[in-house]
């Protein structure tokens, strides 16, 4: 027992104490552990956020496999584990998605998506160069006027180095259907 009957305070220190802290990915992280570690707990109050972070930290978090029914709108729209309210209802009513209480939300719903969208836009802008000049493409006078339509659709999408290509797979490739090959 942690304390005697009627005696609230302890007289001794903790008997067994761990030397090293628990690591949920000690022997190689599984796909479930990686997904749980990467999850952003948004739309929650401070207490509920702490509870879910504890579950993730000590491998007690179990992801939801099928959507649950929201207690406010009765739709099957709850896609996060341990939540009882869907995100649209949470935004509208300004309540916590897990406990349903009207408390201060620590991380607003969808706030992390806005920052990742901005980062993705910056990456794709840095990778594209734009179109080549028509003067450089049509240096020979042998081309017909029909070929100029093909030149307008071609874009130069080269990235500066191979490492940039591996980092940014979001570079858009030209449509192959529009390219005509003459024999």
Protein backbone atom coordinates (compact mmCIF):
# COMPACT_ATOMS: atom_id res chain seq x y z
CA UNK A 1 0.00 0.00 0.00
CA UNK A 2 1.15 3.49 -0.67
CA UNK A 3 0.06 4.76 2.73
CA UNK A 4 -1.39 3.46 5.96
CA UNK A 5 -5.07 3.79 6.70
CA UNK A 6 -5.72 7.35 7.72
CA UNK A 7 -2.11 8.42 7.08
CA UNK A 8 -1.93 10.41 3.84
CA UNK A 9 1.81 11.10 3.70
CA UNK A 10 4.50 8.47 3.04
CA UNK A 11 7.49 8.06 5.30
CA UNK A 12 9.88 6.42 2.79
CA UNK A 13 11.00 6.89 -0.81
CA UNK A 14 9.87 4.82 -3.75
CA UNK A 15 11.09 1.22 -3.44
CA UNK A 16 11.59 0.33 -7.13
CA UNK A 17 12.68 2.95 -9.62
CA UNK A 18 13.67 2.56 -13.28
CA UNK A 19 17.22 3.41 -14.27
CA UNK A 20 16.34 4.25 -17.89
CA UNK A 21 13.17 5.77 -19.27
CA UNK A 22 10.77 3.72 -21.40
CA UNK A 23 11.12 4.11 -25.18
CA UNK A 24 8.24 3.05 -27.38
CA UNK A 25 10.50 2.60 -30.44
CA UNK A 26 13.47 0.93 -28.72
CA UNK A 27 13.60 -2.21 -30.88
CA UNK A 28 12.67 -0.57 -34.17
CA UNK A 29 9.45 1.33 -34.63
CA UNK A 30 6.52 -0.43 -36.28
CA UNK A 31 4.23 1.37 -38.70
CA UNK A 32 1.65 1.89 -35.93
CA UNK A 33 4.20 3.41 -33.56
CA UNK A 34 5.55 5.71 -36.28
CA UNK A 35 2.04 6.88 -37.15
CA UNK A 36 1.17 7.45 -33.48
CA UNK A 37 4.40 9.40 -32.86
CA UNK A 38 3.77 11.61 -35.91
CA UNK A 39 0.13 12.34 -35.01
CA UNK A 40 -0.72 15.93 -34.12
CA UNK A 41 -3.35 16.06 -31.38
CA UNK A 42 -5.39 19.08 -32.43
CA UNK A 43 -8.78 20.26 -31.19
CA UNK A 44 -8.11 19.15 -27.61
CA UNK A 45 -7.92 20.84 -24.24
CA UNK A 46 -4.66 20.74 -22.26
CA UNK A 47 -5.70 17.77 -20.09
CA UNK A 48 -6.90 15.58 -22.97
CA UNK A 49 -3.81 16.42 -25.02
CA UNK A 50 -1.62 15.30 -22.11
CA UNK A 51 -3.58 12.05 -21.76
CA UNK A 52 -3.17 11.18 -25.45
CA UNK A 53 0.53 12.11 -25.43
CA UNK A 54 1.01 9.77 -22.43
CA UNK A 55 -0.75 6.95 -24.30
CA UNK A 56 1.55 7.48 -27.31
CA UNK A 57 4.68 7.72 -25.14
CA UNK A 58 4.04 4.46 -23.29
CA UNK A 59 2.64 2.46 -26.27
CA UNK A 60 -0.93 2.45 -24.97
CA UNK A 61 -2.37 4.40 -27.94
CA UNK A 62 -4.58 2.25 -30.17
CA UNK A 63 -5.57 3.82 -33.48
CA UNK A 64 -9.16 3.82 -34.68
CA UNK A 65 -9.88 1.44 -37.57
CA UNK A 66 -13.37 2.64 -38.53
CA UNK A 67 -15.04 6.03 -38.06
CA UNK A 68 -17.10 6.46 -34.88
CA UNK A 69 -20.38 8.29 -34.46
CA UNK A 70 -20.20 11.91 -33.28
CA UNK A 71 -22.27 12.62 -30.14
CA UNK A 72 -23.35 16.04 -31.44
CA UNK A 73 -24.34 15.44 -35.08
CA UNK A 74 -24.84 11.62 -34.96
CA UNK A 75 -22.80 11.17 -38.16
CA UNK A 76 -19.96 8.66 -38.54
CA UNK A 77 -17.34 11.40 -38.87
CA UNK A 78 -15.05 10.85 -35.85
CA UNK A 79 -11.80 9.52 -37.36
CA UNK A 80 -9.42 9.98 -34.42
CA UNK A 81 -9.05 7.49 -31.57
CA UNK A 82 -10.50 8.39 -28.14
CA UNK A 83 -12.48 11.34 -29.60
CA UNK A 84 -16.25 11.66 -29.18
CA UNK A 85 -16.91 14.82 -31.24
CA UNK A 86 -16.05 15.33 -34.91
CA UNK A 87 -13.81 18.22 -35.93
CA UNK A 88 -16.52 20.32 -37.68
CA UNK A 89 -18.75 20.15 -34.58
CA UNK A 90 -15.77 20.95 -32.37
CA UNK A 91 -14.97 24.03 -34.44
CA UNK A 92 -18.59 25.18 -34.51
CA UNK A 93 -19.29 24.65 -30.81
CA UNK A 94 -15.72 25.45 -29.65
CA UNK A 95 -15.44 22.32 -27.50
CA UNK A 96 -12.77 19.68 -26.91
CA UNK A 97 -12.98 16.73 -29.31
CA UNK A 98 -12.21 14.17 -26.59
CA UNK A 99 -14.06 15.26 -23.45
CA UNK A 100 -16.70 17.52 -25.03
CA UNK A 101 -16.15 20.29 -22.47
CA UNK A 102 -16.02 23.94 -23.44
CA UNK A 103 -12.42 24.62 -22.46
CA UNK A 104 -9.50 26.39 -24.10
CA UNK A 105 -8.26 24.46 -27.15
CA UNK A 106 -4.44 24.17 -27.10
CA UNK A 107 -3.87 23.43 -30.81
CA UNK A 108 -6.76 24.58 -33.04
CA UNK A 109 -8.19 22.10 -35.55
CA UNK A 110 -6.39 22.04 -38.95
CA UNK A 111 -3.77 24.60 -37.88
CA UNK A 112 -0.91 22.18 -38.67
CA UNK A 113 -2.27 21.64 -42.21
CA UNK A 114 -1.90 25.33 -43.10
CA UNK A 115 1.80 25.35 -42.22
CA UNK A 116 2.53 22.19 -44.23
CA UNK A 117 0.68 23.59 -47.26
CA UNK A 118 2.84 26.73 -47.15
CA UNK A 119 6.02 24.63 -46.90
CA UNK A 120 4.95 22.47 -49.87
CA UNK A 121 4.25 25.57 -51.98
CA UNK A 122 7.72 26.95 -51.23
CA UNK A 123 9.37 23.65 -52.18
CA UNK A 124 7.59 23.43 -55.55
CA UNK A 125 8.36 27.06 -56.40
CA UNK A 126 12.07 26.47 -55.80
CA UNK A 127 12.10 23.41 -58.06
CA UNK A 128 10.46 24.89 -61.16
CA UNK A 129 12.37 27.09 -63.54
CA UNK A 130 9.63 28.00 -65.95
CA UNK A 131 9.40 27.76 -69.72
CA UNK A 132 12.27 28.07 -72.12
CA UNK A 133 12.27 30.98 -74.47
CA UNK A 134 10.61 30.30 -77.82
CA UNK A 135 13.67 31.79 -79.56
CA UNK A 136 15.93 29.08 -78.09
CA UNK A 137 13.54 26.30 -79.06
CA UNK A 138 12.88 27.50 -82.61
CA UNK A 139 16.46 28.20 -83.65
CA UNK A 140 15.96 26.22 -86.88
CA UNK A 141 13.65 27.67 -89.50
CA UNK A 142 12.66 24.17 -90.72
CA UNK A 143 9.85 23.90 -88.15
CA UNK A 144 6.25 24.40 -89.24
CA UNK A 145 3.69 26.51 -87.43
CA UNK A 146 2.11 23.32 -86.05
CA UNK A 147 5.27 22.62 -84.04
CA UNK A 148 4.93 25.90 -82.12
CA UNK A 149 1.86 24.50 -80.35
CA UNK A 150 3.94 21.60 -79.05
CA UNK A 151 6.68 23.96 -77.80
CA UNK A 152 4.18 25.92 -75.70
CA UNK A 153 3.11 22.81 -73.80
CA UNK A 154 6.67 21.67 -72.97
CA UNK A 155 8.15 22.94 -69.73
CA UNK A 156 11.65 22.74 -68.34
CA UNK A 157 11.22 21.22 -64.90
CA UNK A 158 14.82 20.35 -64.12
CA UNK A 159 15.85 20.59 -60.50
CA UNK A 160 19.32 21.84 -59.65
CA UNK A 161 20.78 18.56 -58.39
CA UNK A 162 19.85 14.92 -57.87
CA UNK A 163 19.52 15.40 -54.13
CA UNK A 164 16.80 17.99 -54.73
CA UNK A 165 14.95 15.49 -56.88
CA UNK A 166 14.97 12.91 -54.11
CA UNK A 167 13.81 15.48 -51.55
CA UNK A 168 11.06 16.98 -53.71
CA UNK A 169 9.00 14.36 -55.42
CA UNK A 170 6.27 16.95 -55.87
CA UNK A 171 7.82 18.29 -59.11
CA UNK A 172 5.17 18.03 -61.80
CA UNK A 173 6.19 16.10 -64.90
CA UNK A 174 4.94 17.17 -68.35
CA UNK A 175 2.00 15.28 -69.82
CA UNK A 176 3.30 12.59 -72.19
CA UNK A 177 0.01 12.42 -74.13
CA UNK A 178 0.64 15.84 -75.66
CA UNK A 179 4.09 14.95 -77.03
CA UNK A 180 4.07 13.93 -80.70
CA UNK A 181 6.97 11.98 -82.14
CA UNK A 182 7.70 12.31 -85.84
CA UNK A 183 9.47 9.56 -87.77
